[in-house]
């Protein structure tokens, strides 16, 4: 999105909707209705060090809006406890924290940290999936789901269907729900490379019919 709108991706800023969870209509109702899932900071990373001060305000809004569910994906799980609310305890019931791991090296580093943290709802996101990954040692009952997807964009790296199926089998053995989110732009199946347009990447993953809900 930064490239599309010719923005400098290195500039970290609060956007105009930062306070959206607390915004109200002229009738005094919250604009975000109770029960909604809020996909938090999806164009950046909630645990960026440049956003440490803003995150205090973000946690305050999250605490107030306990009637929403906040879904946070991060590749900085090692910074999770920086400016964590003092009343966090074992975690807020209405917050899910997802750690990404695109390859075995990042899985080895991030997933032990994820498992060790006081978080009520944990998930693993292998997106973009860049190689075969063995997750089996971290697929514990505290992990609620695993999501897999390829990489999008003109410079996307390959995602191989065999890697996807391998993670699916690991999840089935561990009885962890599995979701194949998207193929990515360059997708290999049965040794053949497919170039898939962005609008079709989610559709083709859904057509594979390999999601598994325990």
N, C-alpha and C. Protein backbone atom coordinates (compact mmCIF):
# COMPACT_ATOMS: atom_id res chain seq x y z
N UNK A 1 0.83 -1.20 0.00
CA UNK A 1 0.00 0.00 0.00
C UNK A 1 0.87 1.26 0.00
N UNK A 2 2.00 1.20 0.73
CA UNK A 2 2.90 2.35 0.73
C UNK A 2 3.42 2.64 -0.67
N UNK A 3 3.80 1.58 -1.40
CA UNK A 3 4.29 1.76 -2.76
C UNK A 3 3.20 2.28 -3.68
N UNK A 4 1.99 1.77 -3.51
CA UNK A 4 0.87 2.17 -4.36
C UNK A 4 0.59 3.66 -4.24
N UNK A 5 0.65 4.18 -3.02
CA UNK A 5 0.35 5.58 -2.79
C UNK A 5 1.60 6.45 -2.65
N UNK A 6 2.76 5.87 -3.03
CA UNK A 6 4.04 6.60 -3.03
C UNK A 6 4.34 7.20 -1.66
N UNK A 7 4.14 6.40 -0.62
CA UNK A 7 4.46 6.83 0.73
C UNK A 7 5.79 6.24 1.17
N UNK A 8 6.45 6.92 2.07
CA UNK A 8 7.72 6.44 2.63
C UNK A 8 7.41 5.44 3.74
N UNK A 9 7.69 4.16 3.48
CA UNK A 9 7.36 3.11 4.45
C UNK A 9 8.18 3.21 5.73
N UNK A 10 9.27 3.99 5.70
CA UNK A 10 10.11 4.10 6.89
C UNK A 10 9.57 5.10 7.91
N UNK A 11 8.58 5.88 7.51
CA UNK A 11 8.00 6.89 8.39
C UNK A 11 6.87 6.26 9.21
N UNK A 12 7.02 6.25 10.53
CA UNK A 12 6.02 5.67 11.41
C UNK A 12 5.12 6.79 11.93
N UNK A 13 3.82 6.65 11.76
CA UNK A 13 2.92 7.71 12.17
C UNK A 13 1.59 7.14 12.67
N UNK A 14 0.90 7.94 13.47
CA UNK A 14 -0.46 7.59 13.88
C UNK A 14 -1.40 8.06 12.79
N UNK A 15 -2.31 7.18 12.37
CA UNK A 15 -3.23 7.59 11.31
C UNK A 15 -4.49 8.24 11.89
N UNK A 16 -5.35 8.69 11.01
CA UNK A 16 -6.52 9.47 11.43
C UNK A 16 -7.52 8.63 12.21
N UNK A 17 -7.46 7.31 12.04
CA UNK A 17 -8.43 6.44 12.72
C UNK A 17 -7.84 5.80 13.98
N UNK A 18 -6.74 6.33 14.49
CA UNK A 18 -6.09 5.75 15.67
C UNK A 18 -7.07 5.60 16.83
N UNK A 19 -7.93 6.58 17.03
CA UNK A 19 -8.87 6.56 18.15
C UNK A 19 -10.23 5.95 17.81
N UNK A 20 -10.30 5.24 16.68
CA UNK A 20 -11.58 4.71 16.22
C UNK A 20 -12.33 3.88 17.26
N UNK A 21 -11.65 3.04 18.07
CA UNK A 21 -12.40 2.25 19.06
C UNK A 21 -13.24 3.10 20.01
N UNK A 22 -12.84 4.35 20.24
CA UNK A 22 -13.56 5.22 21.17
C UNK A 22 -14.43 6.26 20.46
N UNK A 23 -14.38 6.31 19.15
CA UNK A 23 -15.18 7.28 18.41
C UNK A 23 -16.67 6.93 18.49
N UNK A 24 -17.49 7.97 18.60
CA UNK A 24 -18.94 7.76 18.71
C UNK A 24 -19.68 8.52 17.62
N UNK A 25 -20.89 8.07 17.34
CA UNK A 25 -21.76 8.76 16.39
C UNK A 25 -22.38 9.97 17.07
N UNK A 26 -23.09 10.75 16.35
CA UNK A 26 -23.74 11.92 16.93
C UNK A 26 -24.86 11.52 17.90
N UNK A 27 -25.21 10.23 17.86
CA UNK A 27 -26.24 9.73 18.78
C UNK A 27 -25.63 9.14 20.05
N UNK A 28 -24.29 9.23 20.16
CA UNK A 28 -23.63 8.77 21.37
C UNK A 28 -23.29 7.29 21.39
N UNK A 29 -23.48 6.59 20.26
CA UNK A 29 -23.13 5.17 20.18
C UNK A 29 -21.73 5.03 19.61
N UNK A 30 -21.04 3.97 20.03
CA UNK A 30 -19.73 3.70 19.44
C UNK A 30 -19.87 3.38 17.95
N UNK A 31 -18.94 3.89 17.14
CA UNK A 31 -18.95 3.58 15.71
C UNK A 31 -18.64 2.10 15.47
N UNK A 32 -17.75 1.54 16.30
CA UNK A 32 -17.48 0.10 16.23
C UNK A 32 -18.44 -0.61 17.17
N UNK A 33 -19.30 -1.42 16.60
CA UNK A 33 -20.35 -2.06 17.38
C UNK A 33 -19.82 -3.24 18.19
N UNK A 34 -20.37 -3.48 19.37
CA UNK A 34 -19.96 -4.62 20.20
C UNK A 34 -19.97 -5.92 19.41
N UNK A 35 -18.96 -6.75 19.65
CA UNK A 35 -18.87 -8.05 18.99
C UNK A 35 -18.02 -8.06 17.75
N UNK A 36 -17.63 -6.88 17.25
CA UNK A 36 -16.81 -6.83 16.04
C UNK A 36 -15.39 -7.31 16.33
N UNK A 37 -14.75 -7.90 15.30
CA UNK A 37 -13.32 -8.25 15.37
C UNK A 37 -12.53 -7.09 14.79
N UNK A 38 -11.57 -6.58 15.54
CA UNK A 38 -10.76 -5.45 15.10
C UNK A 38 -9.37 -5.96 14.72
N UNK A 39 -9.07 -5.93 13.42
CA UNK A 39 -7.76 -6.37 12.94
C UNK A 39 -6.79 -5.20 13.13
N UNK A 40 -5.96 -5.31 14.16
CA UNK A 40 -5.22 -4.18 14.71
C UNK A 40 -3.86 -3.97 14.05
N UNK A 41 -3.65 -2.78 13.52
CA UNK A 41 -2.34 -2.37 12.99
C UNK A 41 -1.84 -3.31 11.89
N UNK A 42 -2.71 -3.68 10.97
CA UNK A 42 -2.36 -4.66 9.95
C UNK A 42 -1.41 -4.13 8.89
N UNK A 43 -1.26 -2.82 8.77
CA UNK A 43 -0.33 -2.28 7.77
C UNK A 43 1.03 -1.96 8.36
N UNK A 44 1.22 -2.34 9.63
CA UNK A 44 2.51 -2.11 10.28
C UNK A 44 2.74 -3.23 11.30
N UNK A 45 3.24 -2.89 12.48
CA UNK A 45 3.43 -3.88 13.53
C UNK A 45 3.15 -3.21 14.87
N UNK A 46 2.23 -3.77 15.63
CA UNK A 46 1.78 -3.19 16.90
C UNK A 46 2.92 -3.00 17.89
N UNK A 47 4.00 -3.79 17.76
CA UNK A 47 5.09 -3.75 18.74
C UNK A 47 6.36 -3.08 18.22
N UNK A 48 6.23 -2.23 17.21
CA UNK A 48 7.36 -1.41 16.76
C UNK A 48 7.90 -0.58 17.91
N UNK A 49 9.22 -0.48 17.99
CA UNK A 49 9.78 0.34 19.06
C UNK A 49 9.46 1.82 18.89
N UNK A 50 9.28 2.26 17.63
CA UNK A 50 8.93 3.66 17.38
C UNK A 50 7.53 4.01 17.90
N UNK A 51 6.72 2.98 18.15
CA UNK A 51 5.34 3.21 18.60
C UNK A 51 5.14 2.88 20.08
N UNK A 52 6.23 2.77 20.83
CA UNK A 52 6.10 2.38 22.24
C UNK A 52 5.18 3.32 23.02
N UNK A 53 5.32 4.62 22.84
CA UNK A 53 4.49 5.56 23.59
C UNK A 53 3.03 5.49 23.15
N UNK A 54 2.81 5.37 21.84
CA UNK A 54 1.43 5.30 21.34
C UNK A 54 0.75 4.02 21.81
N UNK A 55 1.53 2.96 22.00
CA UNK A 55 0.94 1.68 22.38
C UNK A 55 0.29 1.76 23.76
N UNK A 56 0.78 2.63 24.62
CA UNK A 56 0.14 2.84 25.92
C UNK A 56 -1.30 3.29 25.72
N UNK A 57 -1.50 4.25 24.80
CA UNK A 57 -2.86 4.72 24.50
C UNK A 57 -3.69 3.63 23.83
N UNK A 58 -3.04 2.85 22.95
CA UNK A 58 -3.76 1.78 22.26
C UNK A 58 -4.26 0.74 23.25
N UNK A 59 -3.40 0.33 24.19
CA UNK A 59 -3.82 -0.64 25.21
C UNK A 59 -4.97 -0.07 26.06
N UNK A 60 -4.93 1.23 26.33
CA UNK A 60 -5.99 1.84 27.12
C UNK A 60 -7.34 1.71 26.39
N UNK A 61 -7.34 1.98 25.09
CA UNK A 61 -8.57 1.84 24.30
C UNK A 61 -9.03 0.38 24.25
N UNK A 62 -8.07 -0.52 24.10
CA UNK A 62 -8.40 -1.95 24.06
C UNK A 62 -9.03 -2.38 25.37
N UNK A 63 -8.49 -1.90 26.49
CA UNK A 63 -9.04 -2.25 27.80
C UNK A 63 -10.47 -1.72 27.96
N UNK A 64 -10.70 -0.50 27.50
CA UNK A 64 -12.04 0.10 27.60
C UNK A 64 -13.05 -0.67 26.75
N UNK A 65 -12.64 -1.06 25.53
CA UNK A 65 -13.56 -1.72 24.61
C UNK A 65 -13.47 -3.24 24.74
N UNK A 66 -13.76 -3.73 25.90
CA UNK A 66 -13.73 -5.18 26.14
C UNK A 66 -14.88 -5.90 25.43
N UNK A 67 -15.78 -5.13 24.82
CA UNK A 67 -16.90 -5.71 24.07
C UNK A 67 -16.52 -6.00 22.62
N UNK A 68 -15.28 -5.67 22.23
CA UNK A 68 -14.75 -5.98 20.91
C UNK A 68 -13.71 -7.08 21.05
N UNK A 69 -13.29 -7.67 19.92
CA UNK A 69 -12.17 -8.62 19.98
C UNK A 69 -11.06 -8.08 19.09
N UNK A 70 -9.89 -7.87 19.69
CA UNK A 70 -8.74 -7.30 18.99
C UNK A 70 -7.80 -8.42 18.55
N UNK A 71 -7.53 -8.45 17.25
CA UNK A 71 -6.71 -9.49 16.62
C UNK A 71 -5.41 -8.84 16.17
N UNK A 72 -4.30 -9.22 16.82
CA UNK A 72 -3.01 -8.56 16.59
C UNK A 72 -1.99 -9.56 16.06
N UNK A 73 -1.43 -9.27 14.89
CA UNK A 73 -0.38 -10.10 14.29
C UNK A 73 0.95 -9.36 14.38
N UNK A 74 2.01 -10.06 14.81
CA UNK A 74 3.30 -9.41 14.97
C UNK A 74 4.46 -10.33 14.58
N UNK A 75 5.53 -9.71 14.09
CA UNK A 75 6.79 -10.43 13.92
C UNK A 75 7.79 -9.99 14.99
N UNK A 76 7.28 -9.22 15.95
CA UNK A 76 8.11 -8.73 17.05
C UNK A 76 7.60 -9.25 18.39
N UNK A 77 7.32 -10.51 18.46
CA UNK A 77 6.78 -11.09 19.69
C UNK A 77 7.77 -10.93 20.85
N UNK A 78 9.04 -10.77 20.54
CA UNK A 78 10.05 -10.58 21.58
C UNK A 78 9.89 -9.23 22.28
N UNK A 79 9.11 -8.32 21.72
CA UNK A 79 8.87 -7.01 22.33
C UNK A 79 7.48 -6.92 22.97
N UNK A 80 6.82 -8.02 23.09
CA UNK A 80 5.43 -8.03 23.55
C UNK A 80 5.25 -7.36 24.91
N UNK A 81 6.19 -7.54 25.82
CA UNK A 81 6.01 -7.06 27.19
C UNK A 81 6.42 -5.60 27.39
N UNK A 82 6.89 -4.94 26.32
CA UNK A 82 7.25 -3.53 26.43
C UNK A 82 5.98 -2.68 26.53
N UNK A 83 5.83 -1.96 27.64
CA UNK A 83 4.66 -1.12 27.91
C UNK A 83 3.36 -1.92 27.97
N UNK A 84 3.45 -3.13 28.45
CA UNK A 84 2.26 -3.96 28.64
C UNK A 84 1.45 -3.38 29.81
N UNK A 85 0.13 -3.35 29.72
CA UNK A 85 -0.70 -2.80 30.81
C UNK A 85 -0.44 -3.52 32.14
N UNK A 86 -0.47 -2.78 33.23
CA UNK A 86 -0.18 -3.37 34.54
C UNK A 86 -1.25 -4.36 34.96
N UNK A 87 -2.43 -4.27 34.37
CA UNK A 87 -3.51 -5.19 34.73
C UNK A 87 -3.66 -6.33 33.72
N UNK A 88 -2.66 -6.53 32.89
CA UNK A 88 -2.73 -7.57 31.85
C UNK A 88 -2.89 -8.96 32.47
N UNK A 89 -2.15 -9.24 33.54
CA UNK A 89 -2.25 -10.54 34.20
C UNK A 89 -1.90 -11.68 33.27
N UNK A 90 -2.84 -12.61 33.10
CA UNK A 90 -2.65 -13.74 32.19
C UNK A 90 -3.17 -13.42 30.79
N UNK A 91 -3.54 -12.17 30.59
CA UNK A 91 -4.02 -11.76 29.27
C UNK A 91 -5.45 -11.28 29.30
N UNK A 92 -5.79 -10.40 28.36
CA UNK A 92 -7.17 -9.97 28.20
C UNK A 92 -7.93 -11.03 27.42
N UNK A 93 -9.14 -11.32 27.85
CA UNK A 93 -9.95 -12.34 27.19
C UNK A 93 -10.32 -11.94 25.76
N UNK A 94 -10.34 -10.65 25.48
CA UNK A 94 -10.80 -10.18 24.17
C UNK A 94 -9.66 -9.80 23.23
N UNK A 95 -8.46 -10.35 23.47
CA UNK A 95 -7.30 -10.06 22.62
C UNK A 95 -6.65 -11.37 22.17
N UNK A 96 -6.42 -11.50 20.87
CA UNK A 96 -5.66 -12.62 20.30
C UNK A 96 -4.33 -12.09 19.77
N UNK A 97 -3.25 -12.75 20.16
CA UNK A 97 -1.91 -12.37 19.69
C UNK A 97 -1.39 -13.49 18.76
N UNK A 98 -1.01 -13.10 17.55
CA UNK A 98 -0.51 -14.06 16.56
C UNK A 98 0.94 -13.75 16.23
N UNK A 99 1.79 -14.73 16.34
CA UNK A 99 3.19 -14.55 15.96
C UNK A 99 3.41 -15.12 14.56
N UNK A 100 4.08 -14.34 13.72
CA UNK A 100 4.40 -14.83 12.39
C UNK A 100 5.70 -15.64 12.42
N UNK A 101 5.84 -16.53 11.46
CA UNK A 101 7.12 -17.23 11.23
C UNK A 101 7.12 -17.68 9.78
N UNK A 102 7.95 -17.05 8.99
CA UNK A 102 7.98 -17.31 7.56
C UNK A 102 8.95 -18.42 7.16
N UNK A 103 9.85 -18.77 8.08
CA UNK A 103 10.82 -19.83 7.79
C UNK A 103 11.19 -20.53 9.10
N UNK A 104 12.02 -21.55 9.01
CA UNK A 104 12.36 -22.32 10.20
C UNK A 104 13.15 -21.50 11.22
N UNK A 105 14.02 -20.64 10.74
CA UNK A 105 14.82 -19.81 11.64
C UNK A 105 13.93 -18.92 12.52
N UNK A 106 12.94 -18.29 11.91
CA UNK A 106 12.05 -17.40 12.67
C UNK A 106 11.10 -18.19 13.57
N UNK A 107 10.72 -19.39 13.13
CA UNK A 107 9.91 -20.25 13.99
C UNK A 107 10.70 -20.63 15.24
N UNK A 108 11.95 -21.01 15.04
CA UNK A 108 12.80 -21.41 16.17
C UNK A 108 12.99 -20.27 17.17
N UNK A 109 13.02 -19.03 16.67
CA UNK A 109 13.23 -17.88 17.54
C UNK A 109 11.93 -17.40 18.20
N UNK A 110 10.88 -17.25 17.41
CA UNK A 110 9.68 -16.58 17.91
C UNK A 110 8.72 -17.49 18.67
N UNK A 111 8.56 -18.71 18.24
CA UNK A 111 7.50 -19.54 18.83
C UNK A 111 7.76 -19.95 20.28
N UNK A 112 9.00 -20.22 20.68
CA UNK A 112 9.21 -20.46 22.12
C UNK A 112 8.84 -19.25 22.96
N UNK A 113 9.08 -18.06 22.42
CA UNK A 113 8.71 -16.84 23.14
C UNK A 113 7.20 -16.74 23.25
N UNK A 114 6.51 -16.96 22.14
CA UNK A 114 5.04 -16.93 22.15
C UNK A 114 4.47 -17.87 23.20
N UNK A 115 4.98 -19.09 23.24
CA UNK A 115 4.46 -20.08 24.18
C UNK A 115 4.71 -19.68 25.63
N UNK A 116 5.78 -18.94 25.88
CA UNK A 116 6.15 -18.59 27.25
C UNK A 116 5.38 -17.40 27.82
N UNK A 117 4.71 -16.66 26.95
CA UNK A 117 4.09 -15.40 27.38
C UNK A 117 2.68 -15.61 27.95
N UNK A 118 2.27 -14.71 28.85
CA UNK A 118 0.92 -14.78 29.42
C UNK A 118 -0.10 -14.18 28.46
N UNK A 119 -0.59 -15.00 27.55
CA UNK A 119 -1.55 -14.57 26.53
C UNK A 119 -2.68 -15.60 26.51
N UNK A 120 -3.92 -15.15 26.61
CA UNK A 120 -5.06 -16.10 26.66
C UNK A 120 -5.35 -16.73 25.30
N UNK A 121 -5.17 -15.97 24.24
CA UNK A 121 -5.48 -16.47 22.90
C UNK A 121 -4.25 -16.30 22.02
N UNK A 122 -3.67 -17.43 21.60
CA UNK A 122 -2.44 -17.42 20.80
C UNK A 122 -2.68 -18.12 19.46
N UNK A 123 -2.03 -17.62 18.42
CA UNK A 123 -2.10 -18.25 17.11
C UNK A 123 -0.77 -18.09 16.39
N UNK A 124 -0.55 -18.92 15.38
CA UNK A 124 0.66 -18.88 14.57
C UNK A 124 0.27 -18.53 13.14
N UNK A 125 1.00 -17.60 12.54
CA UNK A 125 0.77 -17.19 11.15
C UNK A 125 2.02 -17.47 10.33
N UNK A 126 1.96 -18.43 9.42
CA UNK A 126 3.08 -18.72 8.51
C UNK A 126 2.79 -18.02 7.19
N UNK A 127 3.00 -16.73 7.19
CA UNK A 127 2.69 -15.92 6.02
C UNK A 127 3.61 -14.71 5.98
N UNK A 128 4.40 -14.53 4.93
CA UNK A 128 4.48 -15.42 3.78
C UNK A 128 5.29 -16.68 4.10
N UNK A 129 4.79 -17.81 3.66
CA UNK A 129 5.49 -19.07 3.85
C UNK A 129 6.59 -19.18 2.79
N UNK A 130 7.84 -19.23 3.23
CA UNK A 130 8.97 -19.16 2.30
C UNK A 130 9.76 -20.46 2.20
N UNK A 131 9.47 -21.42 3.06
CA UNK A 131 10.15 -22.71 3.00
C UNK A 131 9.37 -23.72 3.84
N UNK A 132 9.76 -24.96 3.77
CA UNK A 132 9.15 -25.99 4.60
C UNK A 132 9.51 -25.71 6.07
N UNK A 133 8.51 -25.75 6.94
CA UNK A 133 8.72 -25.46 8.36
C UNK A 133 8.18 -26.60 9.22
N UNK A 134 8.97 -27.01 10.18
CA UNK A 134 8.51 -27.99 11.17
C UNK A 134 8.04 -27.24 12.42
N UNK A 135 6.73 -27.21 12.63
CA UNK A 135 6.14 -26.53 13.78
C UNK A 135 5.78 -27.47 14.92
N UNK A 136 5.97 -28.76 14.70
CA UNK A 136 5.37 -29.76 15.57
C UNK A 136 5.67 -29.57 17.06
N UNK A 137 6.89 -29.16 17.39
CA UNK A 137 7.24 -29.05 18.81
C UNK A 137 6.54 -27.89 19.51
N UNK A 138 5.95 -26.96 18.72
CA UNK A 138 5.27 -25.81 19.32
C UNK A 138 3.75 -25.87 19.18
N UNK A 139 3.25 -26.94 18.60
CA UNK A 139 1.80 -27.05 18.44
C UNK A 139 1.19 -27.62 19.72
N UNK A 140 1.08 -26.76 20.70
CA UNK A 140 0.55 -27.11 22.01
C UNK A 140 -0.93 -26.73 22.10
N UNK A 141 -1.64 -27.21 23.11
CA UNK A 141 -3.06 -26.85 23.26
C UNK A 141 -3.32 -25.36 23.37
N UNK A 142 -2.33 -24.58 23.80
CA UNK A 142 -2.53 -23.13 23.93
C UNK A 142 -2.55 -22.43 22.57
N UNK A 143 -2.12 -23.09 21.51
CA UNK A 143 -2.19 -22.52 20.17
C UNK A 143 -3.57 -22.81 19.59
N UNK A 144 -4.31 -21.76 19.29
CA UNK A 144 -5.71 -21.93 18.87
C UNK A 144 -5.87 -22.16 17.38
N UNK A 145 -4.88 -21.73 16.57
CA UNK A 145 -4.98 -21.94 15.13
C UNK A 145 -3.65 -21.68 14.46
N UNK A 146 -3.50 -22.22 13.26
CA UNK A 146 -2.34 -21.95 12.41
C UNK A 146 -2.87 -21.50 11.05
N UNK A 147 -2.38 -20.37 10.57
CA UNK A 147 -2.78 -19.83 9.27
C UNK A 147 -1.56 -19.82 8.37
N UNK A 148 -1.75 -20.24 7.11
CA UNK A 148 -0.65 -20.32 6.14
C UNK A 148 -1.03 -19.55 4.88
N UNK A 149 -0.06 -18.86 4.30
CA UNK A 149 -0.32 -18.15 3.05
C UNK A 149 0.97 -17.81 2.33
N UNK A 150 0.86 -17.62 1.02
CA UNK A 150 2.01 -17.23 0.22
C UNK A 150 2.21 -15.72 0.23
N UNK A 151 3.21 -15.28 -0.50
CA UNK A 151 3.57 -13.86 -0.54
C UNK A 151 2.98 -13.19 -1.77
N UNK A 152 2.43 -11.99 -1.59
CA UNK A 152 1.85 -11.22 -2.69
C UNK A 152 2.83 -10.15 -3.15
N UNK A 153 2.47 -9.48 -4.24
CA UNK A 153 3.30 -8.41 -4.76
C UNK A 153 4.15 -8.84 -5.94
N UNK A 154 4.67 -7.84 -6.67
CA UNK A 154 5.41 -8.14 -7.90
C UNK A 154 6.75 -8.82 -7.62
N UNK A 155 7.28 -8.67 -6.40
CA UNK A 155 8.56 -9.31 -6.05
C UNK A 155 8.35 -10.52 -5.14
N UNK A 156 7.17 -11.10 -5.20
CA UNK A 156 6.83 -12.22 -4.31
C UNK A 156 7.76 -13.41 -4.53
N UNK A 157 8.11 -14.05 -3.42
CA UNK A 157 8.89 -15.28 -3.47
C UNK A 157 7.95 -16.48 -3.55
N UNK A 158 8.50 -17.59 -3.97
CA UNK A 158 7.68 -18.78 -4.22
C UNK A 158 7.12 -19.37 -2.93
N UNK A 159 5.88 -19.85 -3.04
CA UNK A 159 5.26 -20.68 -2.00
C UNK A 159 4.92 -22.02 -2.64
N UNK A 160 5.38 -23.11 -2.03
CA UNK A 160 5.17 -24.45 -2.57
C UNK A 160 4.01 -25.13 -1.85
N UNK A 161 3.11 -25.70 -2.61
CA UNK A 161 1.92 -26.35 -2.03
C UNK A 161 2.31 -27.49 -1.09
N UNK A 162 3.41 -28.16 -1.36
CA UNK A 162 3.85 -29.25 -0.48
C UNK A 162 4.18 -28.73 0.92
N UNK A 163 4.73 -27.50 1.00
CA UNK A 163 5.00 -26.91 2.32
C UNK A 163 3.70 -26.67 3.09
N UNK A 164 2.69 -26.22 2.35
CA UNK A 164 1.37 -25.95 2.95
C UNK A 164 0.77 -27.25 3.49
N UNK A 165 0.80 -28.29 2.66
CA UNK A 165 0.22 -29.58 3.06
C UNK A 165 0.96 -30.18 4.25
N UNK A 166 2.26 -29.98 4.29
CA UNK A 166 3.06 -30.51 5.39
C UNK A 166 2.64 -29.88 6.72
N UNK A 167 2.45 -28.56 6.73
CA UNK A 167 2.00 -27.90 7.96
C UNK A 167 0.59 -28.35 8.31
N UNK A 168 -0.24 -28.54 7.31
CA UNK A 168 -1.60 -29.05 7.57
C UNK A 168 -1.55 -30.39 8.30
N UNK A 169 -0.70 -31.29 7.86
CA UNK A 169 -0.59 -32.60 8.50
C UNK A 169 -0.10 -32.47 9.94
N UNK A 170 0.84 -31.56 10.17
CA UNK A 170 1.31 -31.33 11.54
C UNK A 170 0.17 -30.86 12.43
N UNK A 171 -0.67 -29.97 11.89
CA UNK A 171 -1.80 -29.45 12.66
C UNK A 171 -2.82 -30.53 12.96
N UNK A 172 -3.10 -31.37 11.99
CA UNK A 172 -4.06 -32.45 12.20
C UNK A 172 -3.58 -33.39 13.29
N UNK A 173 -2.29 -33.73 13.25
CA UNK A 173 -1.74 -34.62 14.28
C UNK A 173 -1.82 -34.00 15.67
N UNK A 174 -1.64 -32.67 15.73
CA UNK A 174 -1.68 -31.97 17.01
C UNK A 174 -3.09 -31.51 17.38
N UNK A 175 -4.04 -31.71 16.45
CA UNK A 175 -5.44 -31.29 16.64
C UNK A 175 -5.54 -29.78 16.86
N UNK A 176 -4.86 -29.07 15.96
CA UNK A 176 -4.89 -27.60 15.95
C UNK A 176 -5.56 -27.16 14.66
N UNK A 177 -6.57 -26.30 14.70
CA UNK A 177 -7.22 -25.82 13.47
C UNK A 177 -6.21 -25.21 12.50
N UNK A 178 -6.43 -25.51 11.20
CA UNK A 178 -5.53 -25.06 10.14
C UNK A 178 -6.33 -24.30 9.09
N UNK A 179 -5.76 -23.17 8.61
CA UNK A 179 -6.43 -22.39 7.57
C UNK A 179 -5.43 -21.99 6.50
N UNK A 180 -5.73 -22.37 5.25
CA UNK A 180 -4.92 -21.96 4.10
C UNK A 180 -5.53 -20.67 3.56
N UNK A 181 -4.86 -19.55 3.84
CA UNK A 181 -5.45 -18.23 3.58
C UNK A 181 -5.33 -17.80 2.12
N UNK A 182 -4.11 -17.92 1.56
CA UNK A 182 -3.92 -17.47 0.18
C UNK A 182 -2.71 -18.16 -0.44
N UNK A 183 -2.73 -18.25 -1.77
CA UNK A 183 -1.64 -18.92 -2.49
C UNK A 183 -0.39 -18.07 -2.59
N UNK A 184 -0.57 -16.74 -2.61
CA UNK A 184 0.53 -15.86 -2.97
C UNK A 184 0.58 -15.68 -4.48
N UNK A 185 1.48 -14.83 -4.95
CA UNK A 185 1.55 -14.50 -6.37
C UNK A 185 2.30 -15.54 -7.20
N UNK A 186 3.24 -16.25 -6.57
CA UNK A 186 4.01 -17.28 -7.28
C UNK A 186 3.86 -18.58 -6.49
N UNK A 187 3.07 -19.47 -7.04
CA UNK A 187 2.65 -20.67 -6.33
C UNK A 187 3.05 -21.92 -7.09
N UNK A 188 3.76 -22.82 -6.42
CA UNK A 188 4.22 -24.06 -7.05
C UNK A 188 3.36 -25.22 -6.59
N UNK A 189 2.83 -25.96 -7.55
CA UNK A 189 2.04 -27.17 -7.25
C UNK A 189 2.41 -28.25 -8.26
N UNK A 190 2.75 -29.44 -7.75
CA UNK A 190 3.15 -30.56 -8.60
C UNK A 190 4.31 -30.17 -9.53
N UNK A 191 5.23 -29.35 -8.99
CA UNK A 191 6.42 -28.97 -9.74
C UNK A 191 6.20 -27.87 -10.76
N UNK A 192 4.99 -27.37 -10.87
CA UNK A 192 4.69 -26.33 -11.85
C UNK A 192 4.47 -24.99 -11.16
N UNK A 193 5.04 -23.92 -11.72
CA UNK A 193 4.91 -22.58 -11.17
C UNK A 193 3.70 -21.89 -11.77
N UNK A 194 2.82 -21.41 -10.89
CA UNK A 194 1.65 -20.65 -11.30
C UNK A 194 1.81 -19.20 -10.84
N UNK A 195 1.52 -18.27 -11.73
CA UNK A 195 1.51 -16.85 -11.37
C UNK A 195 0.05 -16.46 -11.19
N UNK A 196 -0.30 -16.11 -9.98
CA UNK A 196 -1.71 -15.90 -9.63
C UNK A 196 -1.94 -14.43 -9.29
N UNK A 197 -2.94 -13.84 -9.94
CA UNK A 197 -3.27 -12.44 -9.69
C UNK A 197 -3.83 -12.27 -8.28
N UNK A 198 -3.60 -11.10 -7.71
CA UNK A 198 -4.00 -10.84 -6.33
C UNK A 198 -5.48 -11.17 -6.04
N UNK A 199 -6.43 -10.77 -6.92
CA UNK A 199 -7.84 -11.07 -6.61
C UNK A 199 -8.15 -12.56 -6.52
N UNK A 200 -7.29 -13.39 -7.13
CA UNK A 200 -7.56 -14.84 -7.18
C UNK A 200 -6.81 -15.62 -6.10
N UNK A 201 -5.91 -14.98 -5.37
CA UNK A 201 -5.06 -15.72 -4.44
C UNK A 201 -5.85 -16.33 -3.27
N UNK A 202 -6.79 -15.57 -2.71
CA UNK A 202 -7.63 -16.11 -1.64
C UNK A 202 -8.60 -17.15 -2.20
N UNK A 203 -9.15 -16.86 -3.39
CA UNK A 203 -10.12 -17.75 -4.01
C UNK A 203 -9.50 -19.12 -4.30
N UNK A 204 -8.30 -19.14 -4.86
CA UNK A 204 -7.65 -20.41 -5.19
C UNK A 204 -7.31 -21.20 -3.93
N UNK A 205 -6.94 -20.51 -2.87
CA UNK A 205 -6.67 -21.21 -1.61
C UNK A 205 -7.94 -21.84 -1.07
N UNK A 206 -9.05 -21.12 -1.16
CA UNK A 206 -10.32 -21.66 -0.69
C UNK A 206 -10.75 -22.86 -1.52
N UNK A 207 -10.50 -22.80 -2.83
CA UNK A 207 -10.88 -23.90 -3.72
C UNK A 207 -10.10 -25.18 -3.41
N UNK A 208 -8.93 -25.03 -2.80
CA UNK A 208 -8.14 -26.23 -2.45
C UNK A 208 -8.89 -27.09 -1.44
N UNK A 209 -9.73 -26.48 -0.63
CA UNK A 209 -10.57 -27.23 0.30
C UNK A 209 -9.79 -27.98 1.37
N UNK A 210 -8.70 -27.41 1.86
CA UNK A 210 -7.86 -28.13 2.82
C UNK A 210 -7.91 -27.55 4.22
N UNK A 211 -8.76 -26.56 4.45
CA UNK A 211 -8.88 -26.04 5.82
C UNK A 211 -9.34 -27.16 6.74
N UNK A 212 -8.85 -27.13 7.98
CA UNK A 212 -9.19 -28.20 8.93
C UNK A 212 -9.53 -27.58 10.27
N UNK A 213 -10.76 -27.84 10.72
CA UNK A 213 -11.23 -27.33 12.00
C UNK A 213 -11.42 -28.49 12.95
N UNK A 214 -10.68 -28.46 14.03
CA UNK A 214 -10.79 -29.55 15.01
C UNK A 214 -11.97 -29.30 15.92
